[in-house]
N, C-alpha and C. Protein backbone atom coordinates (compact mmCIF):
# COMPACT_ATOMS: atom_id res chain seq x y z
N MET A 1 105.13 7.62 158.03
CA MET A 1 104.86 6.86 156.82
C MET A 1 106.14 6.19 156.33
N ALA A 2 105.98 5.26 155.41
CA ALA A 2 107.15 4.52 154.94
C ALA A 2 107.00 4.23 153.46
N VAL A 3 108.10 3.83 152.85
CA VAL A 3 108.10 3.43 151.44
C VAL A 3 108.64 2.01 151.35
N ASP A 4 108.27 1.31 150.29
CA ASP A 4 108.73 -0.07 150.12
C ASP A 4 110.13 -0.12 149.53
N SER A 5 110.95 -0.97 150.06
CA SER A 5 112.28 -1.20 149.51
C SER A 5 112.13 -1.95 148.19
N PRO A 6 112.78 -1.48 147.10
CA PRO A 6 112.69 -2.18 145.82
C PRO A 6 113.32 -3.56 145.85
N ASP A 7 114.20 -3.81 146.81
CA ASP A 7 114.89 -5.10 146.88
C ASP A 7 114.10 -6.13 147.69
N THR A 8 113.55 -5.70 148.81
CA THR A 8 112.88 -6.65 149.70
C THR A 8 111.38 -6.52 149.73
N GLY A 9 110.89 -5.36 149.28
CA GLY A 9 109.46 -5.12 149.35
C GLY A 9 108.98 -4.75 150.73
N LYS A 10 109.89 -4.69 151.69
CA LYS A 10 109.53 -4.34 153.05
C LYS A 10 109.50 -2.83 153.23
N ALA A 11 108.64 -2.38 154.11
CA ALA A 11 108.51 -0.95 154.36
C ALA A 11 109.74 -0.42 155.08
N LEU A 12 110.28 0.68 154.57
CA LEU A 12 111.43 1.32 155.19
C LEU A 12 111.03 2.72 155.65
N PRO A 13 111.58 3.18 156.78
CA PRO A 13 111.29 4.55 157.20
C PRO A 13 111.90 5.53 156.21
N ARG A 14 111.28 6.69 156.09
CA ARG A 14 111.85 7.71 155.22
C ARG A 14 111.89 9.04 155.94
N SER A 15 112.63 9.98 155.36
CA SER A 15 112.79 11.27 156.01
C SER A 15 112.66 12.43 155.03
N VAL A 16 112.00 12.19 153.90
CA VAL A 16 111.75 13.25 152.92
C VAL A 16 110.31 13.17 152.46
N CYS A 17 109.78 14.30 152.03
CA CYS A 17 108.41 14.35 151.52
C CYS A 17 108.38 13.82 150.09
N ILE A 18 107.44 12.92 149.81
CA ILE A 18 107.31 12.37 148.45
C ILE A 18 106.14 13.03 147.70
N GLN A 19 105.59 14.11 148.29
CA GLN A 19 104.52 14.89 147.66
C GLN A 19 103.32 14.04 147.26
N CYS A 20 102.91 13.16 148.19
CA CYS A 20 101.73 12.34 147.92
C CYS A 20 100.44 13.13 148.12
N GLY A 21 100.51 14.20 148.92
CA GLY A 21 99.34 15.04 149.15
C GLY A 21 98.40 14.55 150.23
N THR A 22 98.74 13.46 150.89
CA THR A 22 97.84 12.91 151.91
C THR A 22 97.53 13.91 153.00
N CYS A 23 98.54 14.62 153.48
CA CYS A 23 98.31 15.59 154.56
C CYS A 23 97.36 16.70 154.12
N CYS A 24 97.42 17.06 152.83
CA CYS A 24 96.60 18.16 152.31
C CYS A 24 95.14 17.76 152.16
N THR A 25 94.87 16.46 152.12
CA THR A 25 93.49 15.99 151.97
C THR A 25 92.79 15.82 153.31
N LYS A 26 93.51 16.03 154.40
CA LYS A 26 92.93 15.83 155.73
C LYS A 26 92.49 17.14 156.38
N GLY A 27 92.44 18.19 155.60
CA GLY A 27 92.00 19.48 156.11
C GLY A 27 93.08 20.53 156.01
N GLY A 28 92.66 21.78 155.82
CA GLY A 28 93.62 22.87 155.74
C GLY A 28 94.24 23.15 157.09
N PRO A 29 95.38 23.83 157.11
CA PRO A 29 96.07 24.12 158.37
C PRO A 29 95.37 25.22 159.18
N ALA A 30 95.58 25.20 160.48
CA ALA A 30 95.23 26.34 161.31
C ALA A 30 96.31 27.41 161.13
N LEU A 31 95.93 28.66 161.28
CA LEU A 31 96.89 29.75 161.13
C LEU A 31 97.40 30.21 162.49
N HIS A 32 98.63 30.69 162.48
CA HIS A 32 99.29 31.19 163.68
C HIS A 32 99.70 32.63 163.46
N LYS A 33 100.06 33.31 164.52
CA LYS A 33 100.44 34.72 164.40
C LYS A 33 101.64 34.90 163.47
N GLN A 34 102.46 33.88 163.36
CA GLN A 34 103.60 33.94 162.44
C GLN A 34 103.15 33.97 160.97
N ASP A 35 101.89 33.66 160.71
CA ASP A 35 101.36 33.68 159.34
C ASP A 35 100.78 35.04 158.95
N MET A 36 100.87 36.01 159.83
CA MET A 36 100.24 37.31 159.58
C MET A 36 100.77 37.97 158.31
N GLU A 37 102.03 37.79 158.01
CA GLU A 37 102.62 38.44 156.84
C GLU A 37 101.97 37.96 155.54
N ILE A 38 101.68 36.67 155.44
CA ILE A 38 101.05 36.19 154.19
C ILE A 38 99.60 36.65 154.11
N ILE A 39 98.98 36.97 155.25
CA ILE A 39 97.66 37.58 155.24
C ILE A 39 97.76 39.02 154.75
N ARG A 40 98.73 39.74 155.28
CA ARG A 40 98.91 41.15 154.90
C ARG A 40 99.18 41.30 153.40
N ARG A 41 99.90 40.34 152.83
CA ARG A 41 100.23 40.40 151.40
C ARG A 41 99.11 39.87 150.52
N GLY A 42 98.03 39.43 151.12
CA GLY A 42 96.87 38.99 150.35
C GLY A 42 97.00 37.62 149.73
N VAL A 43 98.01 36.86 150.16
CA VAL A 43 98.14 35.49 149.66
C VAL A 43 96.95 34.66 150.14
N ILE A 44 96.61 34.85 151.41
CA ILE A 44 95.43 34.22 151.99
C ILE A 44 94.50 35.35 152.45
N MET A 45 93.23 35.25 152.04
CA MET A 45 92.24 36.27 152.36
C MET A 45 91.22 35.71 153.36
N PRO A 46 90.49 36.58 154.07
CA PRO A 46 89.48 36.09 155.01
C PRO A 46 88.47 35.13 154.37
N GLN A 47 88.13 35.34 153.11
CA GLN A 47 87.17 34.44 152.46
C GLN A 47 87.74 33.05 152.21
N HIS A 48 89.06 32.89 152.38
CA HIS A 48 89.69 31.57 152.26
C HIS A 48 89.65 30.82 153.60
N LEU A 49 89.15 31.47 154.65
CA LEU A 49 89.27 30.95 156.01
C LEU A 49 87.90 30.65 156.62
N PHE A 50 87.91 29.79 157.62
CA PHE A 50 86.73 29.63 158.46
C PHE A 50 87.19 29.56 159.91
N SER A 51 86.30 29.99 160.79
CA SER A 51 86.64 30.04 162.21
C SER A 51 86.07 28.85 162.94
N LEU A 52 86.84 28.36 163.90
CA LEU A 52 86.37 27.37 164.86
C LEU A 52 86.44 28.05 166.21
N ARG A 53 85.30 28.14 166.88
CA ARG A 53 85.21 28.98 168.07
C ARG A 53 85.47 28.20 169.37
N LYS A 54 85.82 28.93 170.38
CA LYS A 54 86.11 28.34 171.69
C LYS A 54 84.93 27.48 172.14
N GLY A 55 85.23 26.26 172.59
CA GLY A 55 84.20 25.36 173.06
C GLY A 55 83.57 24.49 171.98
N GLU A 56 83.88 24.77 170.72
CA GLU A 56 83.29 24.01 169.62
C GLU A 56 83.90 22.61 169.54
N LYS A 57 83.08 21.63 169.27
CA LYS A 57 83.56 20.26 169.13
C LYS A 57 84.22 20.08 167.76
N VAL A 58 85.48 19.67 167.77
CA VAL A 58 86.21 19.48 166.51
C VAL A 58 87.06 18.22 166.60
N PHE A 59 87.42 17.70 165.43
CA PHE A 59 88.36 16.59 165.38
C PHE A 59 89.77 17.17 165.31
N GLU A 60 90.56 16.91 166.33
CA GLU A 60 91.95 17.38 166.37
C GLU A 60 92.84 16.31 165.76
N ASN A 61 93.49 16.64 164.62
CA ASN A 61 94.33 15.66 163.95
C ASN A 61 95.46 15.15 164.82
N VAL A 62 96.10 16.06 165.55
CA VAL A 62 97.24 15.66 166.37
C VAL A 62 96.80 14.73 167.50
N LYS A 63 95.64 15.02 168.11
CA LYS A 63 95.13 14.19 169.19
C LYS A 63 94.33 13.00 168.68
N ALA A 64 93.92 13.06 167.40
CA ALA A 64 93.11 12.00 166.80
C ALA A 64 91.85 11.74 167.62
N ALA A 65 91.19 12.83 168.03
CA ALA A 65 89.98 12.70 168.85
C ALA A 65 89.10 13.93 168.67
N VAL A 66 87.80 13.77 168.93
CA VAL A 66 86.87 14.90 168.93
C VAL A 66 86.90 15.53 170.31
N VAL A 67 87.24 16.82 170.35
CA VAL A 67 87.38 17.52 171.63
C VAL A 67 86.80 18.93 171.50
N PRO A 68 86.35 19.52 172.60
CA PRO A 68 85.96 20.94 172.57
C PRO A 68 87.21 21.80 172.54
N LEU A 69 87.21 22.80 171.70
CA LEU A 69 88.39 23.66 171.58
C LEU A 69 88.59 24.50 172.83
N ALA A 70 89.82 24.50 173.32
CA ALA A 70 90.14 25.32 174.49
C ALA A 70 90.22 26.79 174.10
N GLU A 71 90.63 27.07 172.87
CA GLU A 71 90.75 28.43 172.37
C GLU A 71 90.32 28.48 170.91
N GLU A 72 89.92 29.64 170.48
CA GLU A 72 89.52 29.85 169.09
C GLU A 72 90.67 29.59 168.13
N MET A 73 90.33 29.17 166.93
CA MET A 73 91.33 29.04 165.87
C MET A 73 90.68 29.34 164.53
N ILE A 74 91.49 29.69 163.54
CA ILE A 74 90.99 29.86 162.18
C ILE A 74 91.82 28.99 161.25
N LYS A 75 91.13 28.42 160.26
CA LYS A 75 91.77 27.46 159.37
C LYS A 75 91.47 27.80 157.92
N ILE A 76 92.31 27.29 157.03
CA ILE A 76 92.04 27.40 155.60
C ILE A 76 90.93 26.42 155.25
N LYS A 77 90.01 26.87 154.43
CA LYS A 77 88.85 26.05 154.05
C LYS A 77 89.26 24.85 153.20
N GLY A 78 88.39 23.86 153.23
CA GLY A 78 88.51 22.75 152.31
C GLY A 78 87.74 23.05 151.03
N LYS A 79 87.93 22.23 150.03
CA LYS A 79 87.16 22.34 148.80
C LYS A 79 85.72 21.95 149.07
N PRO A 80 84.77 22.44 148.26
CA PRO A 80 83.35 22.12 148.51
C PRO A 80 83.11 20.62 148.63
N GLY A 81 82.48 20.23 149.73
CA GLY A 81 82.16 18.83 149.94
C GLY A 81 83.34 17.95 150.28
N SER A 82 84.45 18.55 150.66
CA SER A 82 85.68 17.78 150.90
C SER A 82 86.49 18.43 152.01
N TRP A 83 87.35 17.63 152.66
CA TRP A 83 88.30 18.16 153.63
C TRP A 83 89.56 18.69 152.96
N THR A 84 89.77 18.36 151.70
CA THR A 84 91.02 18.72 151.01
C THR A 84 91.22 20.23 150.99
N CYS A 85 92.40 20.68 151.39
CA CYS A 85 92.72 22.11 151.42
C CYS A 85 92.42 22.75 150.07
N MET A 86 91.81 23.92 150.10
CA MET A 86 91.39 24.58 148.87
C MET A 86 92.56 24.96 147.97
N PHE A 87 93.76 25.03 148.52
CA PHE A 87 94.93 25.41 147.71
C PHE A 87 95.67 24.20 147.13
N PHE A 88 95.17 23.01 147.38
CA PHE A 88 95.83 21.81 146.89
C PHE A 88 95.23 21.38 145.56
N ASP A 89 96.10 21.13 144.57
CA ASP A 89 95.67 20.65 143.26
C ASP A 89 95.73 19.13 143.25
N ASP A 90 94.57 18.49 143.15
CA ASP A 90 94.51 17.02 143.22
C ASP A 90 95.27 16.34 142.09
N LYS A 91 95.25 16.95 140.91
CA LYS A 91 95.88 16.31 139.75
C LYS A 91 97.40 16.41 139.80
N SER A 92 97.90 17.60 140.04
CA SER A 92 99.36 17.80 140.04
C SER A 92 100.00 17.46 141.38
N LYS A 93 99.16 17.30 142.43
CA LYS A 93 99.65 17.06 143.79
C LYS A 93 100.53 18.22 144.27
N GLN A 94 100.17 19.42 143.86
CA GLN A 94 100.96 20.59 144.24
C GLN A 94 100.11 21.61 144.97
N CYS A 95 100.78 22.43 145.77
CA CYS A 95 100.12 23.49 146.53
C CYS A 95 100.23 24.81 145.76
N ALA A 96 99.11 25.49 145.61
CA ALA A 96 99.08 26.75 144.85
C ALA A 96 99.82 27.88 145.56
N ILE A 97 100.03 27.74 146.87
CA ILE A 97 100.74 28.79 147.62
C ILE A 97 101.96 28.21 148.33
N TYR A 98 102.58 27.22 147.73
CA TYR A 98 103.65 26.48 148.40
C TYR A 98 104.76 27.39 148.93
N GLU A 99 105.19 28.37 148.14
CA GLU A 99 106.27 29.26 148.57
C GLU A 99 105.84 30.17 149.72
N ASN A 100 104.54 30.30 149.90
CA ASN A 100 104.00 31.14 150.97
C ASN A 100 103.11 30.32 151.91
N ARG A 101 103.38 29.04 152.03
CA ARG A 101 102.53 28.18 152.83
C ARG A 101 102.64 28.54 154.32
N PRO A 102 101.56 28.30 155.07
CA PRO A 102 101.53 28.65 156.49
C PRO A 102 102.50 27.83 157.34
N LEU A 103 102.66 28.28 158.57
CA LEU A 103 103.60 27.67 159.51
C LEU A 103 103.36 26.18 159.69
N GLU A 104 102.12 25.77 159.87
CA GLU A 104 101.85 24.35 160.12
C GLU A 104 102.26 23.49 158.93
N CYS A 105 102.06 23.98 157.73
CA CYS A 105 102.45 23.23 156.54
C CYS A 105 103.97 23.08 156.47
N ARG A 106 104.68 24.13 156.87
CA ARG A 106 106.14 24.06 156.86
C ARG A 106 106.67 23.14 157.96
N ALA A 107 105.93 23.05 159.07
CA ALA A 107 106.39 22.24 160.19
C ALA A 107 106.05 20.76 160.03
N LEU A 108 105.01 20.46 159.25
CA LEU A 108 104.52 19.09 159.20
C LEU A 108 105.46 18.16 158.42
N ALA A 109 105.82 17.07 159.08
CA ALA A 109 106.52 15.97 158.42
C ALA A 109 105.80 14.71 158.87
N CYS A 110 105.18 14.00 157.94
CA CYS A 110 104.31 12.90 158.34
C CYS A 110 105.08 11.75 158.99
N TRP A 111 106.38 11.65 158.72
CA TRP A 111 107.18 10.58 159.31
C TRP A 111 107.70 10.95 160.71
N ASP A 112 107.57 12.24 161.07
CA ASP A 112 108.01 12.70 162.39
C ASP A 112 107.20 13.93 162.75
N THR A 113 106.17 13.76 163.56
CA THR A 113 105.24 14.85 163.85
C THR A 113 105.68 15.72 165.03
N SER A 114 106.88 15.52 165.53
CA SER A 114 107.31 16.26 166.72
C SER A 114 107.33 17.76 166.49
N ALA A 115 107.73 18.21 165.29
CA ALA A 115 107.82 19.65 165.02
C ALA A 115 106.45 20.31 165.04
N ILE A 116 105.46 19.69 164.40
CA ILE A 116 104.14 20.31 164.39
C ILE A 116 103.46 20.19 165.75
N GLU A 117 103.72 19.12 166.47
CA GLU A 117 103.16 18.98 167.81
C GLU A 117 103.70 20.09 168.72
N ALA A 118 104.92 20.50 168.49
CA ALA A 118 105.53 21.53 169.34
C ALA A 118 104.90 22.90 169.15
N ILE A 119 104.40 23.18 167.95
CA ILE A 119 103.85 24.52 167.67
C ILE A 119 102.33 24.51 167.52
N TYR A 120 101.71 23.34 167.54
CA TYR A 120 100.31 23.19 167.14
C TYR A 120 99.35 24.12 167.89
N THR A 121 99.49 24.22 169.19
CA THR A 121 98.56 25.04 169.98
C THR A 121 99.12 26.40 170.38
N LYS A 122 100.30 26.74 169.88
CA LYS A 122 100.96 27.99 170.29
C LYS A 122 100.67 29.13 169.32
N ASP A 123 100.39 30.29 169.88
CA ASP A 123 100.25 31.52 169.09
C ASP A 123 99.27 31.37 167.93
N ARG A 124 98.16 30.70 168.18
CA ARG A 124 97.17 30.57 167.11
C ARG A 124 96.54 31.93 166.80
N MET A 125 96.30 32.16 165.54
CA MET A 125 95.65 33.38 165.09
C MET A 125 94.16 33.28 165.37
N THR A 126 93.54 34.40 165.73
CA THR A 126 92.10 34.45 165.96
C THR A 126 91.49 35.54 165.09
N ARG A 127 90.18 35.61 165.10
CA ARG A 127 89.49 36.64 164.32
C ARG A 127 89.89 38.04 164.77
N HIS A 128 90.17 38.20 166.06
CA HIS A 128 90.51 39.53 166.56
C HIS A 128 91.88 40.00 166.06
N ASP A 129 92.70 39.09 165.58
CA ASP A 129 93.96 39.50 164.97
C ASP A 129 93.73 40.13 163.60
N LEU A 130 92.61 39.80 162.98
CA LEU A 130 92.33 40.29 161.62
C LEU A 130 91.20 41.31 161.57
N ILE A 131 90.39 41.36 162.62
CA ILE A 131 89.28 42.32 162.66
C ILE A 131 89.54 43.28 163.80
N GLY A 132 89.86 44.51 163.47
CA GLY A 132 90.16 45.51 164.48
C GLY A 132 88.91 45.98 165.20
N PRO A 133 89.05 46.58 166.39
CA PRO A 133 87.90 47.03 167.18
C PRO A 133 87.08 48.10 166.48
N LYS A 134 87.68 48.80 165.51
CA LYS A 134 86.95 49.85 164.80
C LYS A 134 86.34 49.35 163.49
N ASP A 135 86.58 48.09 163.16
CA ASP A 135 85.99 47.51 161.96
C ASP A 135 84.48 47.44 162.13
N ALA A 136 83.74 47.75 161.07
CA ALA A 136 82.28 47.83 161.14
C ALA A 136 81.64 46.51 161.55
N VAL A 137 82.29 45.39 161.21
CA VAL A 137 81.66 44.10 161.52
C VAL A 137 82.02 43.58 162.91
N HIS A 138 82.91 44.29 163.60
CA HIS A 138 83.36 43.80 164.90
C HIS A 138 82.20 43.64 165.88
N LYS A 139 81.29 44.60 165.90
CA LYS A 139 80.19 44.53 166.86
C LYS A 139 79.26 43.35 166.57
N PHE A 140 79.12 42.99 165.29
CA PHE A 140 78.27 41.85 164.96
C PHE A 140 78.93 40.54 165.39
N MET A 141 80.23 40.47 165.21
CA MET A 141 80.97 39.28 165.63
C MET A 141 80.86 39.09 167.14
N ASP A 142 81.02 40.17 167.90
CA ASP A 142 80.95 40.07 169.35
C ASP A 142 79.54 39.77 169.83
N ALA A 143 78.53 40.38 169.16
CA ALA A 143 77.14 40.12 169.54
C ALA A 143 76.78 38.66 169.28
N HIS A 144 77.25 38.14 168.16
CA HIS A 144 77.00 36.73 167.83
C HIS A 144 77.67 35.81 168.85
N GLU A 145 78.89 36.12 169.24
CA GLU A 145 79.60 35.30 170.21
C GLU A 145 78.89 35.31 171.56
N GLU A 146 78.37 36.45 171.95
CA GLU A 146 77.67 36.55 173.24
C GLU A 146 76.37 35.76 173.23
N LYS A 147 75.65 35.83 172.11
CA LYS A 147 74.33 35.19 172.02
C LYS A 147 74.43 33.71 171.66
N CYS A 148 75.46 33.33 170.91
CA CYS A 148 75.53 31.99 170.34
C CYS A 148 76.86 31.31 170.66
N SER A 149 77.27 31.34 171.91
CA SER A 149 78.54 30.73 172.27
C SER A 149 78.42 29.21 172.30
N HIS A 150 79.51 28.53 172.04
CA HIS A 150 79.50 27.08 172.07
C HIS A 150 79.44 26.54 173.50
N SER A 151 79.93 27.30 174.46
CA SER A 151 79.80 26.87 175.85
C SER A 151 78.34 26.84 176.27
N GLU A 152 77.57 27.82 175.80
CA GLU A 152 76.14 27.85 176.09
C GLU A 152 75.42 26.71 175.37
N LEU A 153 75.81 26.45 174.13
CA LEU A 153 75.21 25.34 173.38
C LEU A 153 75.46 24.02 174.11
N ALA A 154 76.68 23.81 174.60
CA ALA A 154 77.00 22.58 175.33
C ALA A 154 76.17 22.48 176.61
N ARG A 155 76.00 23.60 177.30
CA ARG A 155 75.21 23.60 178.53
C ARG A 155 73.76 23.24 178.24
N LEU A 156 73.20 23.82 177.20
CA LEU A 156 71.79 23.60 176.87
C LEU A 156 71.55 22.17 176.39
N THR A 157 72.46 21.65 175.59
CA THR A 157 72.26 20.28 175.11
C THR A 157 72.33 19.28 176.28
N ALA A 158 73.14 19.59 177.28
CA ALA A 158 73.21 18.71 178.46
C ALA A 158 71.90 18.72 179.23
N LEU A 159 71.16 19.82 179.15
CA LEU A 159 69.89 19.95 179.88
C LEU A 159 68.73 19.26 179.15
N LEU A 160 68.96 18.81 177.93
CA LEU A 160 67.88 18.16 177.18
C LEU A 160 67.47 16.82 177.79
N SER A 161 68.31 16.28 178.65
CA SER A 161 67.98 15.01 179.30
C SER A 161 67.43 15.23 180.72
N THR A 162 67.05 16.47 181.02
CA THR A 162 66.52 16.81 182.34
C THR A 162 65.10 17.33 182.22
N ASP A 163 64.54 17.77 183.32
CA ASP A 163 63.18 18.34 183.31
C ASP A 163 63.12 19.67 182.57
N ASP A 164 64.30 20.26 182.28
CA ASP A 164 64.33 21.55 181.57
C ASP A 164 64.38 21.37 180.06
N VAL A 165 63.97 20.21 179.57
CA VAL A 165 64.14 19.89 178.15
C VAL A 165 63.44 20.90 177.24
N ASP A 166 62.22 21.27 177.53
CA ASP A 166 61.48 22.17 176.64
C ASP A 166 62.11 23.56 176.60
N GLN A 167 62.43 24.08 177.77
CA GLN A 167 63.04 25.41 177.82
C GLN A 167 64.40 25.42 177.13
N SER A 168 65.16 24.36 177.33
CA SER A 168 66.49 24.29 176.72
C SER A 168 66.40 24.15 175.21
N ALA A 169 65.47 23.33 174.74
CA ALA A 169 65.29 23.16 173.29
C ALA A 169 64.88 24.48 172.65
N ASN A 170 63.98 25.20 173.30
CA ASN A 170 63.55 26.50 172.76
C ASN A 170 64.69 27.50 172.75
N ARG A 171 65.54 27.45 173.74
CA ARG A 171 66.69 28.37 173.79
C ARG A 171 67.66 28.05 172.66
N ILE A 172 67.87 26.78 172.37
CA ILE A 172 68.74 26.40 171.25
C ILE A 172 68.15 26.89 169.93
N LEU A 173 66.85 26.72 169.76
CA LEU A 173 66.20 27.18 168.53
C LEU A 173 66.28 28.70 168.41
N ASP A 174 66.17 29.41 169.53
CA ASP A 174 66.31 30.87 169.52
C ASP A 174 67.70 31.28 169.04
N MET A 175 68.73 30.55 169.49
CA MET A 175 70.11 30.83 169.07
C MET A 175 70.24 30.67 167.55
N ILE A 176 69.66 29.61 167.02
CA ILE A 176 69.77 29.34 165.60
C ILE A 176 69.02 30.39 164.78
N LEU A 177 67.84 30.77 165.23
CA LEU A 177 67.07 31.80 164.52
C LEU A 177 67.79 33.15 164.57
N TYR A 178 68.36 33.48 165.71
CA TYR A 178 69.11 34.73 165.86
C TYR A 178 70.28 34.75 164.87
N GLU A 179 71.01 33.66 164.82
CA GLU A 179 72.16 33.61 163.91
C GLU A 179 71.71 33.68 162.45
N ASN A 180 70.67 32.94 162.11
CA ASN A 180 70.17 32.96 160.72
C ASN A 180 69.79 34.37 160.31
N ASP A 181 69.11 35.09 161.20
CA ASP A 181 68.68 36.46 160.90
C ASP A 181 69.88 37.39 160.73
N MET A 182 70.90 37.22 161.60
CA MET A 182 72.08 38.08 161.50
C MET A 182 72.83 37.82 160.20
N ARG A 183 73.00 36.57 159.84
CA ARG A 183 73.68 36.24 158.59
C ARG A 183 72.94 36.82 157.39
N ALA A 184 71.62 36.63 157.37
CA ALA A 184 70.82 37.14 156.24
C ALA A 184 70.89 38.66 156.15
N MET A 185 70.85 39.34 157.30
CA MET A 185 70.91 40.79 157.31
C MET A 185 72.24 41.31 156.77
N LEU A 186 73.34 40.67 157.16
CA LEU A 186 74.65 41.14 156.71
C LEU A 186 74.86 40.88 155.22
N VAL A 187 74.25 39.85 154.69
CA VAL A 187 74.34 39.60 153.24
C VAL A 187 73.46 40.58 152.47
N GLU A 188 72.22 40.74 152.92
CA GLU A 188 71.25 41.54 152.18
C GLU A 188 71.47 43.05 152.34
N LYS A 189 71.81 43.49 153.54
CA LYS A 189 71.90 44.92 153.79
C LYS A 189 73.33 45.46 153.81
N ALA A 190 74.28 44.64 154.25
CA ALA A 190 75.67 45.09 154.33
C ALA A 190 76.48 44.63 153.13
N GLY A 191 75.91 43.74 152.30
CA GLY A 191 76.60 43.29 151.10
C GLY A 191 77.75 42.33 151.33
N LEU A 192 77.79 41.70 152.51
CA LEU A 192 78.85 40.72 152.76
C LEU A 192 78.57 39.43 152.00
N GLN A 193 79.65 38.73 151.62
CA GLN A 193 79.51 37.46 150.93
C GLN A 193 79.42 36.32 151.94
N ASN A 194 78.69 35.28 151.56
CA ASN A 194 78.54 34.13 152.46
C ASN A 194 79.89 33.52 152.84
N ASP A 195 80.85 33.52 151.89
CA ASP A 195 82.14 32.91 152.21
C ASP A 195 82.90 33.72 153.26
N TYR A 196 82.61 35.00 153.38
CA TYR A 196 83.22 35.81 154.44
C TYR A 196 82.59 35.49 155.80
N LEU A 197 81.30 35.14 155.79
CA LEU A 197 80.62 34.82 157.04
C LEU A 197 81.18 33.56 157.69
N ASP A 198 81.75 32.66 156.88
CA ASP A 198 82.40 31.47 157.43
C ASP A 198 83.55 31.88 158.35
N PHE A 199 84.22 32.95 157.97
CA PHE A 199 85.31 33.48 158.80
C PHE A 199 84.76 34.27 159.98
N LEU A 200 83.76 35.11 159.72
CA LEU A 200 83.25 36.01 160.75
C LEU A 200 82.54 35.27 161.88
N PHE A 201 81.73 34.27 161.54
CA PHE A 201 80.92 33.58 162.55
C PHE A 201 81.27 32.10 162.72
N GLY A 202 82.09 31.55 161.84
CA GLY A 202 82.33 30.12 161.89
C GLY A 202 81.18 29.36 161.23
N ARG A 203 81.17 28.06 161.43
CA ARG A 203 80.10 27.27 160.81
C ARG A 203 78.78 27.54 161.53
N PRO A 204 77.67 27.45 160.81
CA PRO A 204 76.36 27.71 161.43
C PRO A 204 76.11 26.82 162.64
N MET A 205 75.37 27.35 163.60
CA MET A 205 75.05 26.59 164.80
C MET A 205 74.30 25.31 164.47
N GLY A 206 73.48 25.35 163.42
CA GLY A 206 72.76 24.15 163.01
C GLY A 206 73.71 23.03 162.62
N GLU A 207 74.86 23.38 162.04
CA GLU A 207 75.86 22.38 161.70
C GLU A 207 76.57 21.87 162.95
N ALA A 208 76.84 22.78 163.87
CA ALA A 208 77.51 22.39 165.11
C ALA A 208 76.66 21.44 165.93
N LEU A 209 75.35 21.52 165.80
CA LEU A 209 74.46 20.63 166.54
C LEU A 209 74.71 19.16 166.22
N LYS A 210 75.21 18.89 165.03
CA LYS A 210 75.44 17.50 164.63
C LYS A 210 76.47 16.84 165.53
N GLY A 211 77.35 17.65 166.12
CA GLY A 211 78.33 17.10 167.05
C GLY A 211 77.68 16.58 168.33
N TYR A 212 76.42 16.98 168.55
CA TYR A 212 75.66 16.50 169.70
C TYR A 212 74.57 15.52 169.27
N ARG A 213 74.69 15.05 168.04
CA ARG A 213 73.73 14.11 167.47
C ARG A 213 72.32 14.69 167.43
N LEU A 214 72.25 15.98 167.07
CA LEU A 214 70.97 16.68 166.97
C LEU A 214 70.90 17.42 165.64
N GLU A 215 69.69 17.71 165.21
CA GLU A 215 69.48 18.54 164.03
C GLU A 215 68.17 19.30 164.17
N VAL A 216 68.04 20.35 163.37
CA VAL A 216 66.82 21.14 163.35
C VAL A 216 66.05 20.81 162.08
N ARG A 217 64.78 20.46 162.25
CA ARG A 217 63.92 20.17 161.11
C ARG A 217 62.74 21.13 161.09
N ASN A 218 62.27 21.42 159.89
CA ASN A 218 61.07 22.23 159.72
C ASN A 218 59.90 21.28 159.57
N ILE A 219 59.10 21.19 160.61
CA ILE A 219 57.95 20.28 160.60
C ILE A 219 56.67 21.11 160.59
N ARG A 220 55.98 21.05 159.45
CA ARG A 220 54.74 21.81 159.25
C ARG A 220 54.92 23.29 159.59
N GLY A 221 56.04 23.85 159.10
CA GLY A 221 56.30 25.27 159.26
C GLY A 221 56.87 25.67 160.60
N LYS A 222 57.21 24.68 161.45
CA LYS A 222 57.75 24.99 162.77
C LYS A 222 59.10 24.31 162.94
N LEU A 223 60.11 25.08 163.37
CA LEU A 223 61.43 24.51 163.61
C LEU A 223 61.37 23.63 164.85
N THR A 224 61.91 22.44 164.73
CA THR A 224 61.89 21.46 165.82
C THR A 224 63.25 20.81 165.97
N LEU A 225 63.67 20.64 167.20
CA LEU A 225 64.95 19.98 167.50
C LEU A 225 64.72 18.48 167.55
N MET A 226 65.51 17.75 166.76
CA MET A 226 65.33 16.30 166.64
C MET A 226 66.66 15.58 166.76
N PRO A 227 66.63 14.33 167.28
CA PRO A 227 67.86 13.54 167.30
C PRO A 227 68.23 13.08 165.90
N LEU A 228 69.52 12.95 165.63
CA LEU A 228 69.98 12.43 164.34
C LEU A 228 69.77 10.92 164.28
């Protein structure tokens, strides 16, 4: 980015942050293992996070393209209905956790992205870093991953243009129903909050379908897979 010279009006390169907040409005940072300490101190809690799972289609800011994730990552949530990081104050243009901001926030310089590019895909934190094998919810997370993987979703959506269209569509609907039931059970019987499920399971499979230009509609009481 650049600023205008007061003398010529021409854009000049700069090398300091002017706290415009633009980077904070493009989505919260992904967390890395180096951020574990701020998790341990409760600065950032699981309910502040959402998971993006392996194989999921996402927009990568550094690559400026929609790509399937090679590995899982977890990110700080945006504000409701917005990409803006939940810790960013729009009015003051300040970060509520600035002194404890994650690694990516400390590395990012919009005028020179070399530092964040160097660390962007390294040592990313995953759900398994925060959910131990003896944690009560671990088995649900693993069961969900086995039944509702994004690699399987990609495989099934590719089959919708073949003779296996009906079987594949039904399998996708089964995945969505399975996930919906698991989410409802954990809220109703285990007392988990919906905002924690964003971390535990990532975004609902029905939302992920939009990346394939598909959606699920309830037509006369029956779930149906439809093009967007």
